[in-house]
Every structure is written in structure tokens, then in C-alpha cells.
């Protein structure tokens, strides 16, 4: 499973065999070699809130 790097994408999960997000079209590769396999953090988490 690959995850879309676009934080605004409505469907971030994608199959491993695609290079662009099936929903929004964003490239799933960072610098043409790194693939996000899980979210780094929840988008609802706000690191600036106490």
C-alpha cells in the first residue's frame, strides 16, 4: 500500500504498483525514489496546539 503525499487528497491509499495517485493524480514518489508507505502523522493532529 502506498499513500498519497498530498494532504488534501480525499483517498490517500493507493496500490503499490501505481506511480501516481489514482484519485488526485499526485506523484507517489518523492524525488523519484521515495514512496510513502504509511502516514507520518494524522492530519487532524496539530503540533502547535498545547
C-alpha atoms as a PDB file:
ATOM      1  CA  UNK A   1       0.000   0.000   0.000  1.00  0.00           C
ATOM      2  CA  UNK A   2       1.292   3.462  -0.925  1.00  0.00           C
ATOM      3  CA  UNK A   3      -0.008   6.710   0.483  1.00  0.00           C
ATOM      4  CA  UNK A   4      -0.523   9.912  -1.456  1.00  0.00           C
ATOM      5  CA  UNK A   5       1.703  12.741  -0.245  1.00  0.00           C
ATOM      6  CA  UNK A   6      -0.991  15.338  -0.991  1.00  0.00           C
ATOM      7  CA  UNK A   7      -2.559  16.228   2.399  1.00  0.00           C
ATOM      8  CA  UNK A   8      -5.749  17.412   0.650  1.00  0.00           C
ATOM      9  CA  UNK A   9      -6.303  14.130  -1.225  1.00  0.00           C
ATOM     10  CA  UNK A  10      -9.621  12.529  -0.279  1.00  0.00           C
ATOM     11  CA  UNK A  11      -8.422   8.959  -0.981  1.00  0.00           C
ATOM     12  CA  UNK A  12      -4.779   8.691   0.094  1.00  0.00           C
ATOM     13  CA  UNK A  13      -4.407   4.890  -0.067  1.00  0.00           C
ATOM     14  CA  UNK A  14      -3.197   3.509  -3.408  1.00  0.00           C
ATOM     15  CA  UNK A  15      -1.971   0.125  -4.662  1.00  0.00           C
ATOM     16  CA  UNK A  16       1.800  -0.476  -4.683  1.00  0.00           C
ATOM     17  CA  UNK A  17       2.005  -0.832  -8.462  1.00  0.00           C
ATOM     18  CA  UNK A  18       0.975   2.741  -9.396  1.00  0.00           C
ATOM     19  CA  UNK A  19       3.253   5.798  -9.552  1.00  0.00           C
ATOM     20  CA  UNK A  20       0.555   8.484  -9.374  1.00  0.00           C
ATOM     21  CA  UNK A  21      -2.409   8.758  -7.040  1.00  0.00           C
ATOM     22  CA  UNK A  22      -5.494   7.224  -8.617  1.00  0.00           C
ATOM     23  CA  UNK A  23      -7.707   9.898  -7.039  1.00  0.00           C
ATOM     24  CA  UNK A  24      -5.857  13.231  -7.363  1.00  0.00           C
ATOM     25  CA  UNK A  25      -3.014  12.436  -9.796  1.00  0.00           C
ATOM     26  CA  UNK A  26      -0.166  13.486  -7.475  1.00  0.00           C
ATOM     27  CA  UNK A  27       3.079  11.562  -7.914  1.00  0.00           C
ATOM     28  CA  UNK A  28       3.528   8.922  -5.208  1.00  0.00           C
ATOM     29  CA  UNK A  29       7.324   9.128  -5.491  1.00  0.00           C
ATOM     30  CA  UNK A  30       9.326  11.773  -3.654  1.00  0.00           C
ATOM     31  CA  UNK A  31      12.471  12.742  -5.606  1.00  0.00           C
ATOM     32  CA  UNK A  32      11.669   9.864  -7.993  1.00  0.00           C
ATOM     33  CA  UNK A  33      12.741   7.261  -5.426  1.00  0.00           C
ATOM     34  CA  UNK A  34      10.997   7.538  -2.029  1.00  0.00           C
ATOM     35  CA  UNK A  35       7.492   6.149  -1.531  1.00  0.00           C
ATOM     36  CA  UNK A  36       5.318   6.920   1.498  1.00  0.00           C
ATOM     37  CA  UNK A  37       4.077   3.585   2.879  1.00  0.00           C
ATOM     38  CA  UNK A  38       2.164   4.975   5.850  1.00  0.00           C
ATOM     39  CA  UNK A  39       1.125   8.423   7.052  1.00  0.00           C
ATOM     40  CA  UNK A  40       3.776  10.282   9.040  1.00  0.00           C
ATOM     41  CA  UNK A  41       1.087  11.637  11.361  1.00  0.00           C
ATOM     42  CA  UNK A  42      -2.662  12.075  11.395  1.00  0.00           C
ATOM     43  CA  UNK A  43      -3.775  15.165   9.524  1.00  0.00           C
ATOM     44  CA  UNK A  44      -6.041  16.023  12.447  1.00  0.00           C
ATOM     45  CA  UNK A  45      -3.003  16.304  14.750  1.00  0.00           C
ATOM     46  CA  UNK A  46      -1.929  19.908  15.223  1.00  0.00           C
ATOM     47  CA  UNK A  47       1.609  20.148  16.613  1.00  0.00           C
ATOM     48  CA  UNK A  48       1.037  23.815  17.506  1.00  0.00           C
ATOM     49  CA  UNK A  49      -1.806  23.174  19.954  1.00  0.00           C
ATOM     50  CA  UNK A  50      -0.836  22.751  23.627  1.00  0.00           C
END
